[in-house]
C-alpha atoms as a PDB file:
ATOM      1  CA  MET A   1      59.162  54.669 -71.380  1.00  0.00           C
ATOM      2  CA  ILE A   2      60.011  51.346 -69.775  1.00  0.00           C
ATOM      3  CA  VAL A   3      61.663  48.886 -72.172  1.00  0.00           C
ATOM      4  CA  PHE A   4      61.631  45.114 -71.797  1.00  0.00           C
ATOM      5  CA  ARG A   5      64.081  43.337 -74.107  1.00  0.00           C
ATOM      6  CA  ASN A   6      63.320  39.899 -72.722  1.00  0.00           C
ATOM      7  CA  LEU A   7      59.976  38.425 -71.695  1.00  0.00           C
ATOM      8  CA  GLN A   8      61.577  37.016 -68.538  1.00  0.00           C
ATOM      9  CA  ASP A   9      62.137  40.574 -67.331  1.00  0.00           C
ATOM     10  CA  ILE A  10      58.378  41.151 -67.031  1.00  0.00           C
ATOM     11  CA  GLN A  11      57.799  40.199 -63.406  1.00  0.00           C
ATOM     12  CA  GLU A  12      54.087  41.006 -63.237  1.00  0.00           C
ATOM     13  CA  LYS A  13      51.250  41.766 -65.597  1.00  0.00           C
ATOM     14  CA  LEU A  14      51.085  45.347 -66.826  1.00  0.00           C
ATOM     15  CA  PRO A  15      48.123  47.253 -65.324  1.00  0.00           C
ATOM     16  CA  GLY A  16      45.221  47.546 -67.774  1.00  0.00           C
ATOM     17  CA  ALA A  17      47.525  47.041 -70.758  1.00  0.00           C
ATOM     18  CA  VAL A  18      46.312  48.492 -74.056  1.00  0.00           C
ATOM     19  CA  ALA A  19      48.710  47.280 -76.744  1.00  0.00           C
ATOM     20  CA  THR A  20      49.534  47.133 -80.406  1.00  0.00           C
ATOM     21  CA  ILE A  21      51.789  44.588 -82.109  1.00  0.00           C
ATOM     22  CA  GLY A  22      53.968  44.989 -85.174  1.00  0.00           C
ATOM     23  CA  ASN A  23      57.416  45.546 -86.608  1.00  0.00           C
ATOM     24  CA  PHE A  24      56.919  49.327 -86.974  1.00  0.00           C
ATOM     25  CA  ASP A  25      59.913  49.790 -89.274  1.00  0.00           C
ATOM     26  CA  GLY A  26      60.200  53.489 -90.066  1.00  0.00           C
ATOM     27  CA  VAL A  27      57.766  54.567 -87.315  1.00  0.00           C
ATOM     28  CA  HIS A  28      55.927  56.396 -90.079  1.00  0.00           C
ATOM     29  CA  LEU A  29      52.716  58.425 -89.988  1.00  0.00           C
ATOM     30  CA  GLY A  30      50.536  55.315 -90.002  1.00  0.00           C
ATOM     31  CA  HIS A  31      52.357  53.927 -86.978  1.00  0.00           C
ATOM     32  CA  ARG A  32      52.006  57.246 -85.205  1.00  0.00           C
ATOM     33  CA  GLU A  33      48.241  57.140 -85.677  1.00  0.00           C
ATOM     34  CA  ILE A  34      48.128  53.621 -84.218  1.00  0.00           C
ATOM     35  CA  PHE A  35      50.181  54.759 -81.221  1.00  0.00           C
ATOM     36  CA  ARG A  36      47.874  57.743 -80.727  1.00  0.00           C
ATOM     37  CA  ARG A  37      44.843  55.462 -80.592  1.00  0.00           C
ATOM     38  CA  VAL A  38      46.591  53.134 -78.130  1.00  0.00           C
ATOM     39  CA  ARG A  39      47.492  56.070 -75.877  1.00  0.00           C
ATOM     40  CA  ASP A  40      43.971  57.469 -76.026  1.00  0.00           C
ATOM     41  CA  ALA A  41      42.385  54.098 -75.223  1.00  0.00           C
ATOM     42  CA  ALA A  42      44.781  53.560 -72.317  1.00  0.00           C
ATOM     43  CA  ALA A  43      44.005  57.020 -70.932  1.00  0.00           C
ATOM     44  CA  ARG A  44      40.248  56.399 -71.118  1.00  0.00           C
ATOM     45  CA  SER A  45      40.512  53.071 -69.307  1.00  0.00           C
ATOM     46  CA  GLY A  46      43.167  54.090 -66.780  1.00  0.00           C
ATOM     47  CA  GLY A  47      45.621  51.560 -68.168  1.00  0.00           C
ATOM     48  CA  VAL A  48      49.074  51.744 -69.750  1.00  0.00           C
ATOM     49  CA  SER A  49      50.031  51.987 -73.429  1.00  0.00           C
ATOM     50  CA  VAL A  50      52.212  49.195 -74.786  1.00  0.00           C
ATOM     51  CA  VAL A  51      54.057  48.560 -78.052  1.00  0.00           C
ATOM     52  CA  ILE A  52      55.026  44.943 -78.737  1.00  0.00           C
ATOM     53  CA  THR A  53      57.634  44.397 -81.420  1.00  0.00           C
ATOM     54  CA  PHE A  54      60.307  41.874 -82.401  1.00  0.00           C
ATOM     55  CA  VAL A  55      64.117  41.971 -82.632  1.00  0.00           C
ATOM     56  CA  PRO A  56      65.403  41.187 -85.163  1.00  0.00           C
ATOM     57  CA  HIS A  57      62.700  41.666 -87.775  1.00  0.00           C
ATOM     58  CA  PRO A  58      61.013  38.250 -88.300  1.00  0.00           C
ATOM     59  CA  LEU A  59      61.941  38.246 -92.004  1.00  0.00           C
ATOM     60  CA  LYS A  60      65.592  38.228 -90.904  1.00  0.00           C
ATOM     61  CA  VAL A  61      64.938  34.855 -89.207  1.00  0.00           C
ATOM     62  CA  VAL A  62      62.184  33.123 -91.181  1.00  0.00           C
ATOM     63  CA  PRO A  63      63.245  32.308 -94.770  1.00  0.00           C
ATOM     64  CA  SER A  64      61.379  34.591 -97.132  1.00  0.00           C
ATOM     65  CA  GLY A  65      63.595  35.056-100.176  1.00  0.00           C
ATOM     66  CA  LYS A  66      63.548  38.813 -99.520  1.00  0.00           C
ATOM     67  CA  ASN A  67      66.616  40.988 -99.046  1.00  0.00           C
ATOM     68  CA  LEU A  68      65.012  43.225 -96.439  1.00  0.00           C
ATOM     69  CA  ARG A  69      66.846  46.451 -95.642  1.00  0.00           C
ATOM     70  CA  LEU A  70      65.291  48.206 -92.669  1.00  0.00           C
ATOM     71  CA  ILE A  71      64.451  51.915 -92.566  1.00  0.00           C
ATOM     72  CA  ASN A  72      65.499  52.257 -88.918  1.00  0.00           C
ATOM     73  CA  THR A  73      68.168  50.804 -86.714  1.00  0.00           C
ATOM     74  CA  CYS A  74      66.848  49.305 -83.463  1.00  0.00           C
ATOM     75  CA  ALA A  75      68.068  52.359 -81.547  1.00  0.00           C
ATOM     76  CA  GLU A  76      66.275  54.759 -83.913  1.00  0.00           C
ATOM     77  CA  LYS A  77      63.023  52.797 -83.702  1.00  0.00           C
ATOM     78  CA  GLU A  78      63.179  52.728 -79.929  1.00  0.00           C
ATOM     79  CA  MET A  79      63.814  56.475 -79.764  1.00  0.00           C
ATOM     80  CA  LEU A  80      60.860  57.238 -82.040  1.00  0.00           C
ATOM     81  CA  ILE A  81      58.484  54.980 -80.121  1.00  0.00           C
ATOM     82  CA  GLU A  82      59.523  56.584 -76.851  1.00  0.00           C
ATOM     83  CA  ALA A  83      59.063  60.044 -78.360  1.00  0.00           C
ATOM     84  CA  SER A  84      55.558  58.951 -79.399  1.00  0.00           C
ATOM     85  CA  GLY A  85      54.590  58.941 -75.732  1.00  0.00           C
ATOM     86  CA  MET A  86      54.201  55.209 -75.132  1.00  0.00           C
ATOM     87  CA  ASP A  87      54.483  53.826 -71.588  1.00  0.00           C
ATOM     88  CA  TYR A  88      56.066  50.456 -72.398  1.00  0.00           C
ATOM     89  CA  LEU A  89      58.025  48.875 -75.243  1.00  0.00           C
ATOM     90  CA  ILE A  90      58.355  45.099 -75.281  1.00  0.00           C
ATOM     91  CA  ALA A  91      61.046  44.090 -77.809  1.00  0.00           C
ATOM     92  CA  ILE A  92      60.678  40.318 -77.988  1.00  0.00           C
ATOM     93  CA  PRO A  93      63.820  38.455 -79.152  1.00  0.00           C
ATOM     94  CA  PHE A  94      62.781  36.691 -82.356  1.00  0.00           C
ATOM     95  CA  ASP A  95      64.612  33.423 -83.001  1.00  0.00           C
ATOM     96  CA  PRO A  96      63.692  30.041 -84.528  1.00  0.00           C
ATOM     97  CA  GLU A  97      62.313  28.830 -81.196  1.00  0.00           C
ATOM     98  CA  PHE A  98      59.997  31.829 -80.886  1.00  0.00           C
ATOM     99  CA  ALA A  99      59.039  31.514 -84.563  1.00  0.00           C
ATOM    100  CA  ALA A 100      57.820  27.965 -83.838  1.00  0.00           C
ATOM    101  CA  LEU A 101      55.296  29.244 -81.266  1.00  0.00           C
ATOM    102  CA  SER A 102      51.719  28.779 -82.460  1.00  0.00           C
ATOM    103  CA  ALA A 103      49.369  31.753 -82.663  1.00  0.00           C
ATOM    104  CA  GLU A 104      47.232  30.307 -79.859  1.00  0.00           C
ATOM    105  CA  GLU A 105      50.269  29.842 -77.595  1.00  0.00           C
ATOM    106  CA  PHE A 106      51.404  33.405 -78.302  1.00  0.00           C
ATOM    107  CA  ILE A 107      48.018  34.810 -77.333  1.00  0.00           C
ATOM    108  CA  ARG A 108      47.553  32.708 -74.213  1.00  0.00           C
ATOM    109  CA  THR A 109      51.073  32.530 -72.729  1.00  0.00           C
ATOM    110  CA  ILE A 110      52.489  35.915 -73.756  1.00  0.00           C
ATOM    111  CA  LEU A 111      49.690  38.384 -74.416  1.00  0.00           C
ATOM    112  CA  VAL A 112      47.427  37.209 -71.587  1.00  0.00           C
ATOM    113  CA  ASP A 113      49.488  35.325 -68.984  1.00  0.00           C
ATOM    114  CA  LYS A 114      52.698  37.378 -69.226  1.00  0.00           C
ATOM    115  CA  ILE A 115      51.632  40.886 -70.328  1.00  0.00           C
ATOM    116  CA  GLY A 116      48.055  40.906 -69.054  1.00  0.00           C
ATOM    117  CA  ILE A 117      46.545  42.396 -72.183  1.00  0.00           C
ATOM    118  CA  ARG A 118      43.160  44.097 -71.728  1.00  0.00           C
ATOM    119  CA  LYS A 119      42.770  45.630 -75.170  1.00  0.00           C
ATOM    120  CA  LEU A 120      44.590  45.071 -78.456  1.00  0.00           C
ATOM    121  CA  ILE A 121      44.571  47.588 -81.326  1.00  0.00           C
ATOM    122  CA  ILE A 122      45.679  45.919 -84.523  1.00  0.00           C
ATOM    123  CA  GLY A 123      45.652  46.282 -88.312  1.00  0.00           C
ATOM    124  CA  TYR A 124      42.973  44.460 -90.283  1.00  0.00           C
ATOM    125  CA  ASP A 125      45.500  42.236 -92.097  1.00  0.00           C
ATOM    126  CA  TYR A 126      47.835  41.394 -89.202  1.00  0.00           C
ATOM    127  CA  LYS A 127      49.196  37.812 -89.287  1.00  0.00           C
ATOM    128  CA  PHE A 128      51.283  36.201 -86.563  1.00  0.00           C
ATOM    129  CA  GLY A 129      52.394  32.927 -85.007  1.00  0.00           C
ATOM    130  CA  ARG A 130      53.909  29.796 -86.558  1.00  0.00           C
ATOM    131  CA  GLY A 131      53.402  29.879 -90.314  1.00  0.00           C
ATOM    132  CA  ARG A 132      51.525  33.173 -89.874  1.00  0.00           C
ATOM    133  CA  GLY A 133      48.557  31.081 -88.744  1.00  0.00           C
ATOM    134  CA  GLY A 134      47.094  33.748 -86.483  1.00  0.00           C
ATOM    135  CA  ASN A 135      44.836  36.538 -87.686  1.00  0.00           C
ATOM    136  CA  VAL A 136      42.302  39.092 -86.462  1.00  0.00           C
ATOM    137  CA  ALA A 137      39.479  36.539 -86.339  1.00  0.00           C
ATOM    138  CA  LEU A 138      41.520  34.285 -84.028  1.00  0.00           C
ATOM    139  CA  LEU A 139      42.372  37.238 -81.778  1.00  0.00           C
ATOM    140  CA  GLN A 140      38.716  38.187 -81.522  1.00  0.00           C
ATOM    141  CA  ARG A 141      37.622  34.640 -80.687  1.00  0.00           C
ATOM    142  CA  MET A 142      40.297  34.174 -78.040  1.00  0.00           C
ATOM    143  CA  GLY A 143      39.693  37.665 -76.689  1.00  0.00           C
ATOM    144  CA  GLU A 144      36.108  36.694 -75.909  1.00  0.00           C
ATOM    145  CA  LEU A 145      37.351  33.585 -74.083  1.00  0.00           C
ATOM    146  CA  LEU A 146      40.283  35.165 -72.237  1.00  0.00           C
ATOM    147  CA  GLY A 147      38.904  38.593 -71.406  1.00  0.00           C
ATOM    148  CA  PHE A 148      40.452  41.138 -73.753  1.00  0.00           C
ATOM    149  CA  SER A 149      38.937  43.246 -76.508  1.00  0.00           C
ATOM    150  CA  VAL A 150      40.231  43.742 -80.044  1.00  0.00           C
ATOM    151  CA  GLU A 151      39.938  46.936 -82.076  1.00  0.00           C
ATOM    152  CA  VAL A 152      40.645  46.424 -85.770  1.00  0.00           C
ATOM    153  CA  LEU A 153      42.053  49.328 -87.765  1.00  0.00           C
ATOM    154  CA  GLN A 154      41.501  49.806 -91.456  1.00  0.00           C
ATOM    155  CA  PRO A 155      44.405  51.016 -93.663  1.00  0.00           C
ATOM    156  CA  ILE A 156      45.703  54.431 -92.612  1.00  0.00           C
ATOM    157  CA  GLY A 157      46.737  56.932 -95.263  1.00  0.00           C
ATOM    158  CA  ASN A 158      46.589  60.526 -96.423  1.00  0.00           C
ATOM    159  CA  GLY A 159      43.612  60.169 -98.753  1.00  0.00           C
ATOM    160  CA  SER A 160      45.595  59.133-101.806  1.00  0.00           C
ATOM    161  CA  THR A 161      48.313  56.822-100.446  1.00  0.00           C
ATOM    162  CA  ILE A 162      48.312  54.167 -97.732  1.00  0.00           C
ATOM    163  CA  PHE A 163      51.170  54.584 -95.251  1.00  0.00           C
ATOM    164  CA  SER A 164      53.401  51.546 -95.684  1.00  0.00           C
ATOM    165  CA  SER A 165      56.933  50.611 -94.623  1.00  0.00           C
ATOM    166  CA  THR A 166      57.330  48.651 -97.863  1.00  0.00           C
ATOM    167  CA  LEU A 167      56.395  51.659 -99.991  1.00  0.00           C
ATOM    168  CA  ILE A 168      58.699  53.925 -97.986  1.00  0.00           C
ATOM    169  CA  ARG A 169      61.611  51.508 -98.492  1.00  0.00           C
ATOM    170  CA  GLN A 170      60.930  51.523-102.229  1.00  0.00           C
ATOM    171  CA  ILE A 171      60.863  55.321-102.406  1.00  0.00           C
ATOM    172  CA  ILE A 172      64.117  55.701-100.453  1.00  0.00           C
ATOM    173  CA  ALA A 173      65.795  52.965-102.515  1.00  0.00           C
ATOM    174  CA  SER A 174      64.801  54.868-105.661  1.00  0.00           C
ATOM    175  CA  GLY A 175      66.506  58.016-104.360  1.00  0.00           C
ATOM    176  CA  ASP A 176      63.319  60.091-104.172  1.00  0.00           C
ATOM    177  CA  VAL A 177      64.126  61.324-100.670  1.00  0.00           C
ATOM    178  CA  LYS A 178      62.113  64.507-101.104  1.00  0.00           C
ATOM    179  CA  ASN A 179      58.814  62.731-101.710  1.00  0.00           C
ATOM    180  CA  VAL A 180      59.185  60.225 -98.879  1.00  0.00           C
ATOM    181  CA  VAL A 181      58.549  62.984 -96.316  1.00  0.00           C
ATOM    182  CA  PRO A 182      54.711  62.992 -96.667  1.00  0.00           C
ATOM    183  CA  LEU A 183      54.662  59.278 -95.761  1.00  0.00           C
ATOM    184  CA  LEU A 184      57.514  59.031 -93.293  1.00  0.00           C
ATOM    185  CA  GLY A 185      56.510  62.307 -91.670  1.00  0.00           C
ATOM    186  CA  ARG A 186      60.098  63.551 -91.399  1.00  0.00           C
ATOM    187  CA  HIS A 187      63.246  63.729 -93.484  1.00  0.00           C
ATOM    188  CA  PHE A 188      64.968  60.367 -93.871  1.00  0.00           C
ATOM    189  CA  SER A 189      68.228  60.319 -91.948  1.00  0.00           C
ATOM    190  CA  VAL A 190      71.394  58.286 -91.559  1.00  0.00           C
ATOM    191  CA  GLY A 191      73.523  58.517 -88.427  1.00  0.00           C
ATOM    192  CA  GLY A 192      77.071  57.350 -87.856  1.00  0.00           C
ATOM    193  CA  LYS A 193      80.661  58.141 -86.963  1.00  0.00           C
ATOM    194  CA  VAL A 194      83.138  60.164 -89.012  1.00  0.00           C
ATOM    195  CA  VAL A 195      86.076  58.002 -90.090  1.00  0.00           C
ATOM    196  CA  HIS A 196      89.196  58.549 -92.186  1.00  0.00           C
ATOM    197  CA  GLY A 197      88.752  58.356 -95.943  1.00  0.00           C
ATOM    198  CA  HIS A 198      91.073  58.778 -98.943  1.00  0.00           C
ATOM    199  CA  LYS A 199      91.351  62.568 -98.354  1.00  0.00           C
ATOM    200  CA  ARG A 200      90.600  63.238-102.019  1.00  0.00           C
ATOM    201  CA  GLY A 201      88.111  65.967-101.098  1.00  0.00           C
ATOM    202  CA  VAL A 202      90.863  68.188 -99.671  1.00  0.00           C
ATOM    203  CA  GLY A 203      92.753  68.054-102.948  1.00  0.00           C
ATOM    204  CA  LEU A 204      89.601  68.889-104.854  1.00  0.00           C
ATOM    205  CA  GLY A 205      88.913  71.894-102.656  1.00  0.00           C
ATOM    206  CA  PHE A 206      85.858  70.310-101.031  1.00  0.00           C
ATOM    207  CA  PRO A 207      86.981  68.474 -97.876  1.00  0.00           C
ATOM    208  CA  THR A 208      84.468  65.805 -96.878  1.00  0.00           C
ATOM    209  CA  ALA A 209      83.564  63.886 -93.742  1.00  0.00           C
ATOM    210  CA  ASN A 210      83.306  60.155 -94.379  1.00  0.00           C
ATOM    211  CA  LEU A 211      80.460  58.504 -92.494  1.00  0.00           C
ATOM    212  CA  GLU A 212      80.502  54.960 -91.156  1.00  0.00           C
ATOM    213  CA  THR A 213      76.982  53.740 -90.347  1.00  0.00           C
ATOM    214  CA  ASP A 214      75.037  50.683 -89.206  1.00  0.00           C
ATOM    215  CA  LYS A 215      72.052  51.740 -91.321  1.00  0.00           C
ATOM    216  CA  GLU A 216      70.837  49.011 -93.655  1.00  0.00           C
ATOM    217  CA  LEU A 217      68.793  51.131 -96.037  1.00  0.00           C
ATOM    218  CA  LEU A 218      70.629  53.870 -97.923  1.00  0.00           C
ATOM    219  CA  PRO A 219      69.560  56.005-100.868  1.00  0.00           C
ATOM    220  CA  PRO A 220      71.203  54.870-104.125  1.00  0.00           C
ATOM    221  CA  PRO A 221      74.529  56.299-105.329  1.00  0.00           C
ATOM    222  CA  GLY A 222      74.301  59.948-106.240  1.00  0.00           C
ATOM    223  CA  VAL A 223      74.589  63.496-104.936  1.00  0.00           C
ATOM    224  CA  TYR A 224      72.127  64.816-102.362  1.00  0.00           C
ATOM    225  CA  ALA A 225      71.367  68.112-100.638  1.00  0.00           C
ATOM    226  CA  VAL A 226      71.500  67.365 -96.911  1.00  0.00           C
ATOM    227  CA  LYS A 227      71.095  68.959 -93.517  1.00  0.00           C
ATOM    228  CA  VAL A 228      73.703  67.723 -91.035  1.00  0.00           C
ATOM    229  CA  LYS A 229      73.275  67.566 -87.283  1.00  0.00           C
ATOM    230  CA  ILE A 230      76.418  67.678 -85.150  1.00  0.00           C
ATOM    231  CA  GLY A 231      75.588  67.829 -81.466  1.00  0.00           C
ATOM    232  CA  THR A 232      72.885  70.481 -81.307  1.00  0.00           C
ATOM    233  CA  GLY A 233      74.085  72.329 -84.409  1.00  0.00           C
ATOM    234  CA  ILE A 234      72.477  72.027 -87.852  1.00  0.00           C
ATOM    235  CA  TYR A 235      74.549  72.673 -90.996  1.00  0.00           C
ATOM    236  CA  ASP A 236      73.883  72.604 -94.726  1.00  0.00           C
ATOM    237  CA  GLY A 237      75.861  70.295 -96.965  1.00  0.00           C
ATOM    238  CA  ALA A 238      76.217  68.196-100.097  1.00  0.00           C
ATOM    239  CA  CYS A 239      76.507  64.429 -99.777  1.00  0.00           C
ATOM    240  CA  ASN A 240      77.861  61.922-102.256  1.00  0.00           C
ATOM    241  CA  ILE A 241      77.025  58.238-101.938  1.00  0.00           C
ATOM    242  CA  GLY A 242      79.036  56.010-104.232  1.00  0.00           C
ATOM    243  CA  ASP A 243      82.348  54.371-105.077  1.00  0.00           C
ATOM    244  CA  ASN A 244      84.101  57.359-106.728  1.00  0.00           C
ATOM    245  CA  PRO A 245      84.215  56.048-110.318  1.00  0.00           C
ATOM    246  CA  THR A 246      86.420  58.929-111.497  1.00  0.00           C
ATOM    247  CA  PHE A 247      89.136  57.442-109.280  1.00  0.00           C
ATOM    248  CA  GLU A 248      88.455  53.909-110.576  1.00  0.00           C
ATOM    249  CA  GLY A 249      85.961  53.101-107.864  1.00  0.00           C
ATOM    250  CA  GLY A 250      86.291  51.159-104.652  1.00  0.00           C
ATOM    251  CA  GLU A 251      84.028  50.473-101.687  1.00  0.00           C
ATOM    252  CA  LEU A 252      80.751  52.340-101.287  1.00  0.00           C
ATOM    253  CA  ALA A 253      81.304  55.511 -99.258  1.00  0.00           C
ATOM    254  CA  ILE A 254      79.095  58.213 -97.736  1.00  0.00           C
ATOM    255  CA  GLU A 255      80.902  61.565 -97.975  1.00  0.00           C
ATOM    256  CA  VAL A 256      79.515  64.923 -96.929  1.00  0.00           C
ATOM    257  CA  PHE A 257      80.893  68.400 -97.610  1.00  0.00           C
ATOM    258  CA  LEU A 258      79.681  70.881 -94.980  1.00  0.00           C
ATOM    259  CA  PHE A 259      79.177  74.454 -96.144  1.00  0.00           C
ATOM    260  CA  ASP A 260      80.891  77.227 -94.191  1.00  0.00           C
ATOM    261  CA  PHE A 261      82.324  74.768 -91.678  1.00  0.00           C
ATOM    262  CA  ASN A 262      85.943  74.271 -90.671  1.00  0.00           C
ATOM    263  CA  ALA A 263      86.591  71.872 -87.787  1.00  0.00           C
ATOM    264  CA  ASP A 264      87.998  68.414 -87.213  1.00  0.00           C
ATOM    265  CA  LEU A 265      85.141  65.900 -87.145  1.00  0.00           C
ATOM    266  CA  TYR A 266      87.070  62.619 -86.946  1.00  0.00           C
ATOM    267  CA  GLY A 267      85.522  60.279 -84.399  1.00  0.00           C
ATOM    268  CA  GLN A 268      82.418  62.436 -83.919  1.00  0.00           C
ATOM    269  CA  GLU A 269      78.831  61.277 -84.371  1.00  0.00           C
ATOM    270  CA  LEU A 270      76.698  63.105 -86.892  1.00  0.00           C
ATOM    271  CA  ARG A 271      73.378  62.599 -88.643  1.00  0.00           C
ATOM    272  CA  LEU A 272      72.577  63.327 -92.288  1.00  0.00           C
ATOM    273  CA  TYR A 273      69.044  64.355 -93.218  1.00  0.00           C
ATOM    274  CA  PHE A 274      68.421  63.799 -96.923  1.00  0.00           C
ATOM    275  CA  ILE A 275      66.518  66.721 -98.422  1.00  0.00           C
ATOM    276  CA  GLU A 276      66.694  66.244-102.197  1.00  0.00           C
ATOM    277  CA  ARG A 277      68.556  64.183-104.791  1.00  0.00           C
ATOM    278  CA  ILE A 278      70.642  66.301-107.203  1.00  0.00           C
ATOM    279  CA  ARG A 279      72.027  63.819-109.710  1.00  0.00           C
ATOM    280  CA  ASP A 280      73.379  60.325-110.278  1.00  0.00           C
ATOM    281  CA  GLU A 281      76.975  59.530-109.467  1.00  0.00           C
ATOM    282  CA  ARG A 282      78.986  59.422-112.671  1.00  0.00           C
ATOM    283  CA  LYS A 283      82.539  59.075-113.948  1.00  0.00           C
ATOM    284  CA  PHE A 284      84.189  62.276-115.182  1.00  0.00           C
ATOM    285  CA  PRO A 285      86.948  62.432-117.813  1.00  0.00           C
ATOM    286  CA  ASP A 286      89.391  64.130-115.461  1.00  0.00           C
ATOM    287  CA  VAL A 287      89.777  65.769-112.067  1.00  0.00           C
ATOM    288  CA  GLU A 288      89.071  69.278-113.389  1.00  0.00           C
ATOM    289  CA  ALA A 289      85.711  68.174-114.775  1.00  0.00           C
ATOM    290  CA  LEU A 290      84.908  66.579-111.434  1.00  0.00           C
ATOM    291  CA  LYS A 291      85.797  69.799-109.568  1.00  0.00           C
ATOM    292  CA  GLU A 292      83.523  71.818-111.842  1.00  0.00           C
ATOM    293  CA  ALA A 293      80.666  69.365-111.289  1.00  0.00           C
ATOM    294  CA  ILE A 294      81.109  69.477-107.511  1.00  0.00           C
ATOM    295  CA  ALA A 295      81.109  73.284-107.549  1.00  0.00           C
ATOM    296  CA  ALA A 296      77.844  73.245-109.500  1.00  0.00           C
ATOM    297  CA  ASP A 297      76.387  70.664-107.093  1.00  0.00           C
ATOM    298  CA  VAL A 298      77.265  72.841-104.116  1.00  0.00           C
ATOM    299  CA  LEU A 299      75.571  75.881-105.657  1.00  0.00           C
ATOM    300  CA  GLN A 300      72.437  73.869-106.375  1.00  0.00           C
ATOM    301  CA  CYS A 301      72.385  72.385-102.881  1.00  0.00           C
ATOM    302  CA  ARG A 302      72.832  75.802-101.285  1.00  0.00           C
ATOM    303  CA  GLU A 303      69.823  77.112-103.195  1.00  0.00           C
ATOM    304  CA  ILE A 304      67.627  74.158-102.234  1.00  0.00           C
ATOM    305  CA  LEU A 305      68.647  74.202 -98.583  1.00  0.00           C
ATOM    306  CA  ARG A 306      68.257  77.968 -98.265  1.00  0.00           C
ATOM    307  CA  THR A 307      64.471  77.594 -98.486  1.00  0.00           C
ATOM    308  CA  THR A 308      64.048  74.176 -96.834  1.00  0.00           C
ATOM    309  CA  SER A 309      63.240  73.629 -93.165  1.00  0.00           C
ATOM    310  CA  LEU A 310      64.443  70.431 -91.551  1.00  0.00           C
ATOM    311  CA  ILE A 311      61.821  68.032 -90.214  1.00  0.00           C
ATOM    312  CA  GLU A 312      63.471  65.735 -87.670  1.00  0.00           C
ATOM    313  CA  TYR A 313      61.848  63.575 -85.044  1.00  0.00           C
ATOM    314  CA  SER A 314      61.144  66.413 -82.590  1.00  0.00           C
ATOM    315  CA  GLU A 315      59.116  68.351 -85.175  1.00  0.00           C
ATOM    316  CA  TYR A 316      57.620  65.115 -86.485  1.00  0.00           C
ATOM    317  CA  LEU A 317      56.213  64.369 -83.038  1.00  0.00           C
ATOM    318  CA  ALA A 318      55.424  67.936 -82.011  1.00  0.00           C
ATOM    319  CA  GLU A 319      51.670  67.431 -81.700  1.00  0.00           C
ATOM    320  CA  ASN A 320      51.927  64.346 -79.488  1.00  0.00           C
END
């Protein structure tokens, strides 16, 4: 996949470009279906498949009153779009100047003059341009004038639920990581680097790796059964997210205890895949009570993970 992170880097129009536009946070099952249709249309016409998105998310720039926490980092989103088999990704820098561009200017100067769009596949409720003044009807009218077609998609879902980044954020924020899989299409994951912590886990008999991450969206404080990827290896574990209230709290930490694993992980990159939430984080009366609770958590996590297969992005995209 060829990635353009600046419109100035596009030196010539893309041949027979079939494109979709959106934020695509989560790259969930609905997004995958859109990408599949773009790829198929490009193959039929002999053109190239294109994803147009924005960095950062427009709601990070345009005042909205929302505290938006994204499902994916930019690197994760890019990896998932590439794995979806797209030919081009255009990640347009979104700043106040770009936000001031009218919908008509966006269509004429960027979609047509710069990218050379031949077909656009878009959701029925897509809004764009200054003040969100552009919509499907405007795209269709200008497409007739400027020589591109517009295919409008109705909501995509599984028969009972519409696939939605907003809904997925809500489910993850509630801690229901198990039931986000049918919408996200894979287990929700958090990647990062192992850093030094307070070393309390060693004293408790459950040494943990402390994860530092750029991820905005995290499940709420609590204990989770997780699969952990280190290099090409996959390990079972128990993860605690919280501020350790038994030790009078502190900063929020992500700590994972790996089962049957004994190696120095400091400075290494790993990825946690959240399988199921076990319990809330809570304050225990003493260290012994905490140790007993952790031992019970580990037993419960082992049982859950013993019969659970990991769905990561390679399995998630296996049929593409």
